[in-house]
Amino acid sequence: MLRACIIAALLTLVCSANIRAAYTRTGDWSASVNGLRGRLSVSEDKPFNGTKMLAVYLELQNVSDVGNPIELYFDPIRTVVSRVIDDAGKDLAQPPNAASITSPPPFWLSIPWDGSLRFRASVYGYGVYKDSGTQVSMANGSWLIKPGDKSKYFLEASLKSKPTAGDKRRAWTGELMLPKVEVSQLPKDRF
C-alpha cells in the first residue's frame, strides 16, 4: 500500500512538471553578433492579486570561434529594451501604473566559450490590478493582457551593450535583436 502511494505521488509530480514545462515558451535564437547570440523565454510565475504574472528569461550564448569568454557590460535598466506587440506588429498599450523597481547598478557578465548564461530579465515592482488578466513586467515597461482577450501577443526585445568610456577590457559591443516570444493568455486551468 505504501509503495503504491509513493508511486502515485511520483507520477503526480512528474506529470505536473511536464504540464508546467509545456507552458514555457522559448523564442528563436537571434542572429550572432560579434560571437554572441540571445533568446527570450517566458513561463508562468506565481499569480499576484488574482493576476497571472509571467517570468521572462534572457539566455545568452557564446558562439564565437575564439576560445575566450565574452565579457558584457550589463545595465539592468537600459541594456534590454522590450515591447509587447500583437500579430500585426502593433504595440500593446501600457496601462497607467505606478512602479517602485529596485535594481542593482550596472555589472559585468562573463559567458564562457561554447557556454551560455540564462537569467531573469523581468522585474517586480509595478502595481498589479486585481483580477486583471496577464501581466508582463520588464524594466522599461509593464503590459497587461485583459481577461478574455483571445488575441496573440508577443514580447520582443533588443539587447545593446557598450562598455563605459575608458574601460580597458575586451568587452563585447553590439546590439542583438531578440526574436519575439508569445506572451498571450495561458489556459485558465493553469492558475
N, C-alpha and C. Protein backbone atom coordinates (compact mmCIF):
# COMPACT_ATOMS: atom_id res chain seq x y z
N MET A 1 0.83 -1.20 0.00
CA MET A 1 0.00 0.00 0.00
C MET A 1 0.87 1.25 0.00
N LEU A 2 1.89 1.28 0.87
CA LEU A 2 2.78 2.43 0.94
C LEU A 2 3.51 2.61 -0.39
N ARG A 3 3.93 1.51 -0.98
CA ARG A 3 4.64 1.57 -2.25
C ARG A 3 3.74 2.16 -3.34
N ALA A 4 2.48 1.77 -3.37
CA ALA A 4 1.53 2.30 -4.35
C ALA A 4 1.32 3.79 -4.16
N CYS A 5 1.26 4.26 -2.91
CA CYS A 5 1.10 5.70 -2.63
C CYS A 5 2.33 6.48 -3.10
N ILE A 6 3.51 5.93 -2.87
CA ILE A 6 4.74 6.59 -3.29
C ILE A 6 4.80 6.69 -4.81
N ILE A 7 4.45 5.60 -5.48
CA ILE A 7 4.46 5.60 -6.95
C ILE A 7 3.44 6.61 -7.48
N ALA A 8 2.26 6.66 -6.88
CA ALA A 8 1.24 7.61 -7.31
C ALA A 8 1.71 9.05 -7.10
N ALA A 9 2.35 9.30 -5.97
CA ALA A 9 2.87 10.65 -5.70
C ALA A 9 3.95 11.03 -6.71
N LEU A 10 4.84 10.12 -7.03
CA LEU A 10 5.90 10.39 -8.00
C LEU A 10 5.32 10.64 -9.39
N LEU A 11 4.33 9.86 -9.79
CA LEU A 11 3.68 10.08 -11.08
C LEU A 11 3.01 11.44 -11.14
N THR A 12 2.38 11.84 -10.05
CA THR A 12 1.75 13.16 -9.99
C THR A 12 2.78 14.26 -10.16
N LEU A 13 3.92 14.13 -9.48
CA LEU A 13 4.98 15.13 -9.60
C LEU A 13 5.52 15.20 -11.02
N VAL A 14 5.77 14.05 -11.62
CA VAL A 14 6.30 14.01 -12.99
C VAL A 14 5.31 14.62 -13.96
N CYS A 15 4.03 14.26 -13.84
CA CYS A 15 3.01 14.82 -14.72
C CYS A 15 2.88 16.32 -14.52
N SER A 16 2.91 16.79 -13.28
CA SER A 16 2.82 18.23 -13.00
C SER A 16 4.00 18.96 -13.61
N ALA A 17 5.19 18.41 -13.50
CA ALA A 17 6.39 19.04 -14.07
C ALA A 17 6.27 19.10 -15.59
N ASN A 18 5.76 18.04 -16.21
CA ASN A 18 5.61 18.03 -17.66
C ASN A 18 4.56 19.03 -18.12
N ILE A 19 3.46 19.16 -17.39
CA ILE A 19 2.43 20.14 -17.74
C ILE A 19 2.98 21.55 -17.61
N ARG A 20 3.69 21.84 -16.51
CA ARG A 20 4.28 23.17 -16.31
C ARG A 20 5.28 23.47 -17.43
N ALA A 21 6.12 22.49 -17.77
CA ALA A 21 7.12 22.70 -18.82
C ALA A 21 6.45 23.01 -20.15
N ALA A 22 5.27 22.44 -20.39
CA ALA A 22 4.57 22.67 -21.64
C ALA A 22 4.18 24.14 -21.80
N TYR A 23 4.10 24.90 -20.72
CA TYR A 23 3.69 26.29 -20.79
C TYR A 23 4.87 27.25 -20.70
N THR A 24 6.05 26.77 -20.89
CA THR A 24 7.20 27.64 -21.07
C THR A 24 7.36 27.84 -22.57
N ARG A 25 7.40 29.07 -22.99
CA ARG A 25 7.55 29.37 -24.41
C ARG A 25 8.93 29.97 -24.62
N THR A 26 9.65 29.44 -25.59
CA THR A 26 11.01 29.90 -25.87
C THR A 26 11.08 30.43 -27.29
N GLY A 27 11.64 31.63 -27.43
CA GLY A 27 11.80 32.23 -28.75
C GLY A 27 12.99 31.64 -29.48
N ASP A 28 13.11 32.01 -30.74
CA ASP A 28 14.25 31.58 -31.55
C ASP A 28 15.51 32.32 -31.12
N TRP A 29 16.64 31.77 -31.50
CA TRP A 29 17.91 32.45 -31.26
C TRP A 29 18.02 33.65 -32.19
N SER A 30 18.63 34.70 -31.70
CA SER A 30 18.91 35.86 -32.54
C SER A 30 20.06 35.51 -33.48
N ALA A 31 20.29 36.37 -34.44
CA ALA A 31 21.49 36.24 -35.25
C ALA A 31 22.69 36.50 -34.34
N SER A 32 23.80 35.90 -34.66
CA SER A 32 25.02 36.11 -33.88
C SER A 32 25.64 37.46 -34.24
N VAL A 33 26.01 38.20 -33.21
CA VAL A 33 26.69 39.48 -33.40
C VAL A 33 27.97 39.44 -32.58
N ASN A 34 29.11 39.54 -33.25
CA ASN A 34 30.41 39.50 -32.59
C ASN A 34 30.55 38.30 -31.65
N GLY A 35 30.03 37.14 -32.08
CA GLY A 35 30.19 35.90 -31.32
C GLY A 35 29.17 35.66 -30.23
N LEU A 36 28.14 36.51 -30.13
CA LEU A 36 27.13 36.35 -29.09
C LEU A 36 25.74 36.29 -29.74
N ARG A 37 24.90 35.40 -29.22
CA ARG A 37 23.51 35.37 -29.65
C ARG A 37 22.63 35.24 -28.41
N GLY A 38 21.34 35.54 -28.56
CA GLY A 38 20.45 35.50 -27.41
C GLY A 38 19.05 35.10 -27.79
N ARG A 39 18.27 34.76 -26.77
CA ARG A 39 16.86 34.45 -26.96
C ARG A 39 16.10 34.69 -25.67
N LEU A 40 14.79 34.82 -25.79
CA LEU A 40 13.91 35.03 -24.65
C LEU A 40 13.08 33.78 -24.40
N SER A 41 12.75 33.54 -23.16
CA SER A 41 11.77 32.51 -22.83
C SER A 41 10.82 33.08 -21.78
N VAL A 42 9.60 32.61 -21.82
CA VAL A 42 8.54 33.11 -20.94
C VAL A 42 7.87 31.92 -20.28
N SER A 43 7.67 32.02 -18.98
CA SER A 43 6.95 30.97 -18.27
C SER A 43 6.05 31.60 -17.22
N GLU A 44 5.13 30.80 -16.75
CA GLU A 44 4.22 31.32 -15.73
C GLU A 44 4.99 31.53 -14.43
N ASP A 45 4.59 32.56 -13.71
CA ASP A 45 5.15 32.87 -12.42
C ASP A 45 4.02 32.75 -11.40
N LYS A 46 4.29 33.04 -10.16
CA LYS A 46 3.24 33.00 -9.15
C LYS A 46 2.22 34.09 -9.43
N PRO A 47 0.93 33.75 -9.43
CA PRO A 47 -0.07 34.81 -9.61
C PRO A 47 -0.04 35.77 -8.42
N PHE A 48 -0.43 37.00 -8.68
CA PHE A 48 -0.46 38.01 -7.61
C PHE A 48 -1.75 38.81 -7.73
N ASN A 49 -2.47 38.94 -6.64
CA ASN A 49 -3.68 39.74 -6.59
C ASN A 49 -4.71 39.26 -7.64
N GLY A 50 -4.68 37.94 -7.92
CA GLY A 50 -5.60 37.38 -8.90
C GLY A 50 -5.18 37.58 -10.34
N THR A 51 -4.01 38.15 -10.56
CA THR A 51 -3.50 38.41 -11.90
C THR A 51 -2.39 37.41 -12.22
N LYS A 52 -2.41 36.90 -13.45
CA LYS A 52 -1.38 35.97 -13.90
C LYS A 52 -0.11 36.76 -14.20
N MET A 53 0.98 36.35 -13.63
CA MET A 53 2.26 37.03 -13.83
C MET A 53 3.15 36.14 -14.70
N LEU A 54 3.88 36.75 -15.62
CA LEU A 54 4.80 35.99 -16.46
C LEU A 54 6.24 36.32 -16.08
N ALA A 55 7.07 35.29 -16.05
CA ALA A 55 8.50 35.45 -15.80
C ALA A 55 9.21 35.39 -17.15
N VAL A 56 10.05 36.37 -17.43
CA VAL A 56 10.79 36.43 -18.69
C VAL A 56 12.26 36.19 -18.39
N TYR A 57 12.86 35.29 -19.16
CA TYR A 57 14.27 34.96 -19.00
C TYR A 57 15.02 35.29 -20.27
N LEU A 58 16.25 35.74 -20.09
CA LEU A 58 17.16 36.02 -21.20
C LEU A 58 18.26 34.99 -21.17
N GLU A 59 18.53 34.39 -22.32
CA GLU A 59 19.63 33.44 -22.42
C GLU A 59 20.63 33.97 -23.45
N LEU A 60 21.88 34.04 -23.05
CA LEU A 60 22.96 34.48 -23.92
C LEU A 60 23.91 33.32 -24.16
N GLN A 61 24.38 33.18 -25.38
CA GLN A 61 25.27 32.07 -25.72
C GLN A 61 26.49 32.58 -26.48
N ASN A 62 27.66 32.13 -26.04
CA ASN A 62 28.92 32.47 -26.68
C ASN A 62 29.15 31.49 -27.83
N VAL A 63 29.01 31.97 -29.05
CA VAL A 63 29.20 31.12 -30.24
C VAL A 63 30.41 31.59 -31.05
N SER A 64 31.31 32.30 -30.41
CA SER A 64 32.47 32.82 -31.13
C SER A 64 33.40 31.67 -31.51
N ASP A 65 34.27 31.94 -32.46
CA ASP A 65 35.23 30.93 -32.88
C ASP A 65 36.58 31.12 -32.18
N VAL A 66 36.58 31.92 -31.14
CA VAL A 66 37.78 32.14 -30.33
C VAL A 66 37.49 31.56 -28.95
N GLY A 67 38.45 30.87 -28.36
CA GLY A 67 38.22 30.17 -27.10
C GLY A 67 38.25 31.04 -25.86
N ASN A 68 37.82 32.28 -25.96
CA ASN A 68 37.81 33.18 -24.81
C ASN A 68 36.38 33.42 -24.33
N PRO A 69 36.22 33.78 -23.06
CA PRO A 69 34.89 34.19 -22.61
C PRO A 69 34.53 35.54 -23.23
N ILE A 70 33.24 35.80 -23.32
CA ILE A 70 32.76 37.11 -23.75
C ILE A 70 32.35 37.87 -22.50
N GLU A 71 32.91 39.07 -22.35
CA GLU A 71 32.52 39.92 -21.23
C GLU A 71 31.55 40.97 -21.75
N LEU A 72 30.48 41.17 -20.99
CA LEU A 72 29.40 42.04 -21.43
C LEU A 72 29.04 42.98 -20.29
N TYR A 73 29.02 44.27 -20.58
CA TYR A 73 28.61 45.28 -19.60
C TYR A 73 27.08 45.29 -19.59
N PHE A 74 26.48 45.00 -18.43
CA PHE A 74 25.03 44.85 -18.35
C PHE A 74 24.44 45.85 -17.37
N ASP A 75 23.58 46.72 -17.89
CA ASP A 75 22.83 47.67 -17.07
C ASP A 75 21.41 47.14 -16.97
N PRO A 76 20.96 46.68 -15.80
CA PRO A 76 19.64 46.06 -15.68
C PRO A 76 18.48 46.95 -16.15
N ILE A 77 18.67 48.26 -16.18
CA ILE A 77 17.59 49.17 -16.58
C ILE A 77 17.65 49.50 -18.07
N ARG A 78 18.85 49.59 -18.66
CA ARG A 78 18.98 50.10 -20.02
C ARG A 78 19.43 49.09 -21.08
N THR A 79 20.05 47.99 -20.69
CA THR A 79 20.62 47.08 -21.69
C THR A 79 19.55 46.37 -22.50
N VAL A 80 18.46 45.96 -21.87
CA VAL A 80 17.37 45.27 -22.58
C VAL A 80 16.18 46.22 -22.70
N VAL A 81 15.76 46.46 -23.93
CA VAL A 81 14.60 47.30 -24.20
C VAL A 81 13.57 46.42 -24.89
N SER A 82 12.35 46.39 -24.34
CA SER A 82 11.35 45.46 -24.85
C SER A 82 10.03 46.16 -25.13
N ARG A 83 9.16 45.42 -25.83
CA ARG A 83 7.80 45.88 -26.08
C ARG A 83 6.92 44.66 -26.32
N VAL A 84 5.63 44.83 -26.10
CA VAL A 84 4.66 43.78 -26.38
C VAL A 84 3.85 44.23 -27.58
N ILE A 85 3.73 43.33 -28.57
CA ILE A 85 3.04 43.64 -29.82
C ILE A 85 2.00 42.57 -30.12
N ASP A 86 1.06 42.91 -31.01
CA ASP A 86 0.07 41.92 -31.44
C ASP A 86 0.56 41.27 -32.74
N ASP A 87 -0.29 40.43 -33.33
CA ASP A 87 0.06 39.72 -34.58
C ASP A 87 0.46 40.66 -35.70
N ALA A 88 -0.14 41.84 -35.74
CA ALA A 88 0.14 42.80 -36.81
C ALA A 88 1.35 43.68 -36.52
N GLY A 89 1.99 43.50 -35.36
CA GLY A 89 3.15 44.30 -35.00
C GLY A 89 2.80 45.60 -34.30
N LYS A 90 1.52 45.77 -33.95
CA LYS A 90 1.08 46.98 -33.26
C LYS A 90 1.35 46.86 -31.76
N ASP A 91 1.89 47.93 -31.18
CA ASP A 91 2.20 47.93 -29.75
C ASP A 91 0.96 47.78 -28.91
N LEU A 92 1.05 46.97 -27.87
CA LEU A 92 0.00 46.87 -26.86
C LEU A 92 0.20 48.06 -25.92
N ALA A 93 -0.86 48.81 -25.70
CA ALA A 93 -0.77 49.99 -24.82
C ALA A 93 -0.47 49.56 -23.39
N GLN A 94 0.31 50.36 -22.71
CA GLN A 94 0.61 50.11 -21.30
C GLN A 94 -0.44 50.81 -20.45
N PRO A 95 -0.97 50.12 -19.44
CA PRO A 95 -1.95 50.78 -18.57
C PRO A 95 -1.25 51.79 -17.66
N PRO A 96 -1.99 52.77 -17.13
CA PRO A 96 -1.39 53.67 -16.15
C PRO A 96 -0.97 52.83 -14.95
N ASN A 97 0.25 53.01 -14.52
CA ASN A 97 0.76 52.11 -13.49
C ASN A 97 1.86 52.79 -12.69
N ALA A 98 1.80 52.62 -11.39
CA ALA A 98 2.88 53.10 -10.52
C ALA A 98 3.95 52.02 -10.46
N ALA A 99 5.19 52.44 -10.24
CA ALA A 99 6.27 51.47 -10.16
C ALA A 99 7.27 51.87 -9.08
N SER A 100 7.81 50.87 -8.44
CA SER A 100 8.88 51.05 -7.47
C SER A 100 9.85 49.89 -7.66
N ILE A 101 10.68 50.02 -8.68
CA ILE A 101 11.59 48.94 -9.06
C ILE A 101 12.97 49.23 -8.48
N THR A 102 13.49 48.29 -7.73
CA THR A 102 14.87 48.44 -7.26
C THR A 102 15.75 47.55 -8.14
N SER A 103 16.90 48.05 -8.45
CA SER A 103 17.79 47.33 -9.35
C SER A 103 19.23 47.57 -8.94
N PRO A 104 20.08 46.57 -9.12
CA PRO A 104 21.49 46.80 -8.82
C PRO A 104 22.11 47.73 -9.85
N PRO A 105 23.25 48.30 -9.52
CA PRO A 105 23.94 49.11 -10.52
C PRO A 105 24.46 48.22 -11.65
N PRO A 106 24.87 48.81 -12.78
CA PRO A 106 25.41 48.00 -13.87
C PRO A 106 26.55 47.10 -13.39
N PHE A 107 26.69 45.96 -14.06
CA PHE A 107 27.71 44.98 -13.68
C PHE A 107 28.19 44.25 -14.94
N TRP A 108 29.21 43.42 -14.76
CA TRP A 108 29.78 42.67 -15.86
C TRP A 108 29.30 41.23 -15.84
N LEU A 109 28.97 40.72 -17.03
CA LEU A 109 28.66 39.31 -17.21
C LEU A 109 29.80 38.67 -17.98
N SER A 110 30.05 37.41 -17.72
CA SER A 110 31.06 36.67 -18.46
C SER A 110 30.44 35.37 -18.95
N ILE A 111 30.45 35.18 -20.26
CA ILE A 111 29.89 33.97 -20.85
C ILE A 111 31.05 33.15 -21.40
N PRO A 112 31.29 31.96 -20.83
CA PRO A 112 32.44 31.15 -21.26
C PRO A 112 32.31 30.74 -22.72
N TRP A 113 33.45 30.46 -23.34
CA TRP A 113 33.45 29.98 -24.71
C TRP A 113 32.62 28.70 -24.78
N ASP A 114 31.79 28.61 -25.80
CA ASP A 114 30.90 27.47 -26.02
C ASP A 114 29.97 27.26 -24.82
N GLY A 115 29.66 28.35 -24.12
CA GLY A 115 28.79 28.27 -22.94
C GLY A 115 27.63 29.23 -23.06
N SER A 116 26.74 29.14 -22.10
CA SER A 116 25.59 30.04 -22.10
C SER A 116 25.28 30.49 -20.68
N LEU A 117 24.50 31.55 -20.60
CA LEU A 117 24.10 32.13 -19.34
C LEU A 117 22.61 32.48 -19.46
N ARG A 118 21.81 32.01 -18.52
CA ARG A 118 20.36 32.27 -18.53
C ARG A 118 19.99 32.94 -17.21
N PHE A 119 19.23 34.03 -17.28
CA PHE A 119 18.84 34.72 -16.06
C PHE A 119 17.52 35.46 -16.29
N ARG A 120 16.89 35.81 -15.18
CA ARG A 120 15.60 36.51 -15.23
C ARG A 120 15.79 37.94 -15.71
N ALA A 121 14.97 38.34 -16.68
CA ALA A 121 15.02 39.70 -17.20
C ALA A 121 13.79 40.50 -16.77
N SER A 122 12.71 39.83 -16.40
CA SER A 122 11.52 40.55 -15.94
C SER A 122 11.76 41.05 -14.53
N VAL A 123 10.94 42.00 -14.12
CA VAL A 123 11.15 42.66 -12.83
C VAL A 123 9.88 42.63 -11.98
N TYR A 124 10.05 42.91 -10.71
CA TYR A 124 8.96 43.14 -9.78
C TYR A 124 8.93 44.62 -9.44
N GLY A 125 7.80 45.11 -9.03
CA GLY A 125 7.73 46.49 -8.56
C GLY A 125 6.65 47.33 -9.21
N TYR A 126 6.03 46.81 -10.27
CA TYR A 126 4.91 47.54 -10.86
C TYR A 126 3.65 47.23 -10.08
N GLY A 127 2.71 48.16 -10.08
CA GLY A 127 1.41 47.90 -9.48
C GLY A 127 0.72 46.79 -10.25
N VAL A 128 -0.07 45.99 -9.54
CA VAL A 128 -0.80 44.89 -10.17
C VAL A 128 -2.29 45.09 -9.88
N TYR A 129 -3.06 45.31 -10.92
CA TYR A 129 -4.50 45.46 -10.77
C TYR A 129 -5.12 44.12 -10.40
N LYS A 130 -6.15 44.13 -9.59
CA LYS A 130 -6.80 42.89 -9.14
C LYS A 130 -7.53 42.21 -10.30
N ASP A 131 -7.31 40.89 -10.40
CA ASP A 131 -8.00 40.05 -11.39
C ASP A 131 -7.97 40.67 -12.79
N SER A 132 -6.80 41.11 -13.20
CA SER A 132 -6.72 41.92 -14.43
C SER A 132 -6.19 41.18 -15.65
N GLY A 133 -6.00 39.86 -15.59
CA GLY A 133 -5.54 39.13 -16.77
C GLY A 133 -4.13 38.64 -16.60
N THR A 134 -3.27 38.96 -17.57
CA THR A 134 -1.88 38.52 -17.57
C THR A 134 -0.97 39.73 -17.67
N GLN A 135 0.02 39.80 -16.79
CA GLN A 135 0.92 40.96 -16.76
C GLN A 135 2.34 40.54 -17.12
N VAL A 136 2.97 41.35 -17.97
CA VAL A 136 4.37 41.18 -18.36
C VAL A 136 5.09 42.44 -17.89
N SER A 137 6.04 42.30 -16.96
CA SER A 137 6.73 43.46 -16.39
C SER A 137 8.22 43.40 -16.67
N MET A 138 8.68 44.36 -17.44
CA MET A 138 10.10 44.47 -17.77
C MET A 138 10.60 45.82 -17.23
N ALA A 139 11.90 46.02 -17.22
CA ALA A 139 12.46 47.25 -16.66
C ALA A 139 11.94 48.49 -17.37
N ASN A 140 11.69 48.40 -18.69
CA ASN A 140 11.25 49.59 -19.42
C ASN A 140 9.74 49.69 -19.62
N GLY A 141 8.97 48.82 -18.94
CA GLY A 141 7.52 48.94 -19.06
C GLY A 141 6.80 47.71 -18.56
N SER A 142 5.48 47.88 -18.38
CA SER A 142 4.64 46.79 -17.92
C SER A 142 3.39 46.76 -18.81
N TRP A 143 3.05 45.57 -19.29
CA TRP A 143 1.93 45.41 -20.20
C TRP A 143 0.91 44.46 -19.59
N LEU A 144 -0.35 44.69 -19.91
CA LEU A 144 -1.44 43.92 -19.35
C LEU A 144 -2.32 43.39 -20.47
N ILE A 145 -2.49 42.08 -20.49
CA ILE A 145 -3.41 41.44 -21.43
C ILE A 145 -4.69 41.16 -20.65
N LYS A 146 -5.76 41.80 -21.04
CA LYS A 146 -7.01 41.75 -20.28
C LYS A 146 -7.64 40.36 -20.30
N PRO A 147 -8.38 40.02 -19.25
CA PRO A 147 -9.05 38.72 -19.20
C PRO A 147 -9.97 38.55 -20.42
N GLY A 148 -9.96 37.37 -20.99
CA GLY A 148 -10.83 37.09 -22.13
C GLY A 148 -10.29 37.56 -23.47
N ASP A 149 -9.18 38.30 -23.48
CA ASP A 149 -8.59 38.77 -24.73
C ASP A 149 -7.94 37.57 -25.42
N LYS A 150 -8.48 37.18 -26.57
CA LYS A 150 -8.01 35.98 -27.29
C LYS A 150 -6.94 36.31 -28.34
N SER A 151 -6.56 37.58 -28.46
CA SER A 151 -5.54 37.96 -29.43
C SER A 151 -4.20 37.34 -29.06
N LYS A 152 -3.34 37.21 -30.06
CA LYS A 152 -1.98 36.73 -29.80
C LYS A 152 -1.08 37.95 -29.59
N TYR A 153 -0.30 37.87 -28.52
CA TYR A 153 0.64 38.94 -28.21
C TYR A 153 2.03 38.35 -28.07
N PHE A 154 3.03 39.18 -28.38
CA PHE A 154 4.41 38.74 -28.37
C PHE A 154 5.29 39.77 -27.67
N LEU A 155 6.28 39.28 -26.96
CA LEU A 155 7.30 40.15 -26.38
C LEU A 155 8.50 40.10 -27.31
N GLU A 156 8.98 41.27 -27.71
CA GLU A 156 10.22 41.33 -28.48
C GLU A 156 11.14 42.32 -27.78
N ALA A 157 12.43 42.12 -27.96
CA ALA A 157 13.38 42.97 -27.25
C ALA A 157 14.68 43.10 -28.02
N SER A 158 15.44 44.10 -27.63
CA SER A 158 16.80 44.25 -28.14
C SER A 158 17.73 44.34 -26.93
N LEU A 159 18.92 43.88 -27.13
CA LEU A 159 19.96 43.95 -26.11
C LEU A 159 21.11 44.75 -26.70
N LYS A 160 21.46 45.84 -26.05
CA LYS A 160 22.53 46.70 -26.55
C LYS A 160 23.53 46.93 -25.42
N SER A 161 24.79 46.72 -25.73
CA SER A 161 25.82 46.91 -24.71
C SER A 161 27.04 47.60 -25.30
N LYS A 162 27.53 48.53 -24.53
CA LYS A 162 28.77 49.23 -24.86
C LYS A 162 29.43 49.56 -23.54
N PRO A 163 30.69 49.15 -23.35
CA PRO A 163 31.34 49.43 -22.07
C PRO A 163 31.52 50.93 -21.85
N THR A 164 31.69 51.27 -20.59
CA THR A 164 31.90 52.68 -20.25
C THR A 164 33.19 53.19 -20.87
N ALA A 165 33.23 54.48 -21.13
CA ALA A 165 34.42 55.10 -21.73
C ALA A 165 35.64 54.86 -20.84
N GLY A 166 36.73 54.51 -21.46
CA GLY A 166 37.97 54.32 -20.73
C GLY A 166 38.18 52.91 -20.17
N ASP A 167 37.18 52.04 -20.30
CA ASP A 167 37.35 50.67 -19.80
C ASP A 167 38.29 49.92 -20.73
N LYS A 168 39.24 49.21 -20.17
CA LYS A 168 40.27 48.57 -20.97
C LYS A 168 40.00 47.08 -21.25
N ARG A 169 38.84 46.60 -20.88
CA ARG A 169 38.51 45.20 -21.18
C ARG A 169 38.24 45.03 -22.67
N ARG A 170 38.37 43.81 -23.12
CA ARG A 170 37.97 43.48 -24.49
C ARG A 170 36.49 43.09 -24.43
N ALA A 171 35.68 44.04 -24.13
CA ALA A 171 34.26 43.77 -23.89
C ALA A 171 33.49 43.65 -25.20
N TRP A 172 32.43 42.87 -25.13
CA TRP A 172 31.53 42.74 -26.27
C TRP A 172 30.79 44.06 -26.45
N THR A 173 30.70 44.49 -27.68
CA THR A 173 29.95 45.68 -28.03
C THR A 173 29.04 45.33 -29.19
N GLY A 174 27.80 45.72 -29.10
CA GLY A 174 26.89 45.45 -30.21
C GLY A 174 25.45 45.51 -29.77
N GLU A 175 24.58 45.07 -30.69
CA GLU A 175 23.15 45.02 -30.42
C GLU A 175 22.58 43.72 -30.97
N LEU A 176 21.87 43.00 -30.13
CA LEU A 176 21.15 41.80 -30.53
C LEU A 176 19.68 42.14 -30.66
N MET A 177 19.07 41.73 -31.75
CA MET A 177 17.62 41.85 -31.91
C MET A 177 17.05 40.49 -31.52
N LEU A 178 16.46 40.43 -30.33
CA LEU A 178 15.96 39.17 -29.80
C LEU A 178 14.60 38.85 -30.42
N PRO A 179 14.48 37.70 -31.09
CA PRO A 179 13.21 37.36 -31.73
C PRO A 179 12.06 37.29 -30.72
N LYS A 180 10.89 37.56 -31.22
CA LYS A 180 9.71 37.61 -30.35
C LYS A 180 9.36 36.23 -29.80
N VAL A 181 8.69 36.27 -28.64
CA VAL A 181 8.18 35.06 -28.00
C VAL A 181 6.75 35.37 -27.56
N GLU A 182 5.87 34.40 -27.71
CA GLU A 182 4.45 34.62 -27.41
C GLU A 182 4.22 34.79 -25.91
N VAL A 183 3.41 35.78 -25.55
CA VAL A 183 3.04 36.03 -24.15
C VAL A 183 1.52 36.06 -23.97
N SER A 184 0.78 35.52 -24.94
CA SER A 184 -0.69 35.51 -24.86
C SER A 184 -1.16 34.80 -23.62
N GLN A 185 -2.45 34.94 -23.34
CA GLN A 185 -3.06 34.32 -22.17
C GLN A 185 -2.74 32.81 -22.13
N LEU A 186 -2.42 32.32 -20.95
CA LEU A 186 -2.28 30.89 -20.74
C LEU A 186 -3.65 30.34 -20.34
N PRO A 187 -3.88 29.06 -20.54
CA PRO A 187 -5.19 28.49 -20.16
C PRO A 187 -5.52 28.76 -18.70
N LYS A 188 -6.80 29.01 -18.42
CA LYS A 188 -7.24 29.35 -17.07
C LYS A 188 -6.94 28.25 -16.05
N ASP A 189 -6.97 27.00 -16.48
CA ASP A 189 -6.76 25.91 -15.53
C ASP A 189 -5.32 25.83 -15.05
N ARG A 190 -4.44 26.65 -15.57
CA ARG A 190 -3.04 26.64 -15.14
C ARG A 190 -2.86 27.42 -13.86
N PHE A 191 -3.84 28.24 -13.46
CA PHE A 191 -3.67 29.08 -12.27
C PHE A 191 -4.74 28.80 -11.26
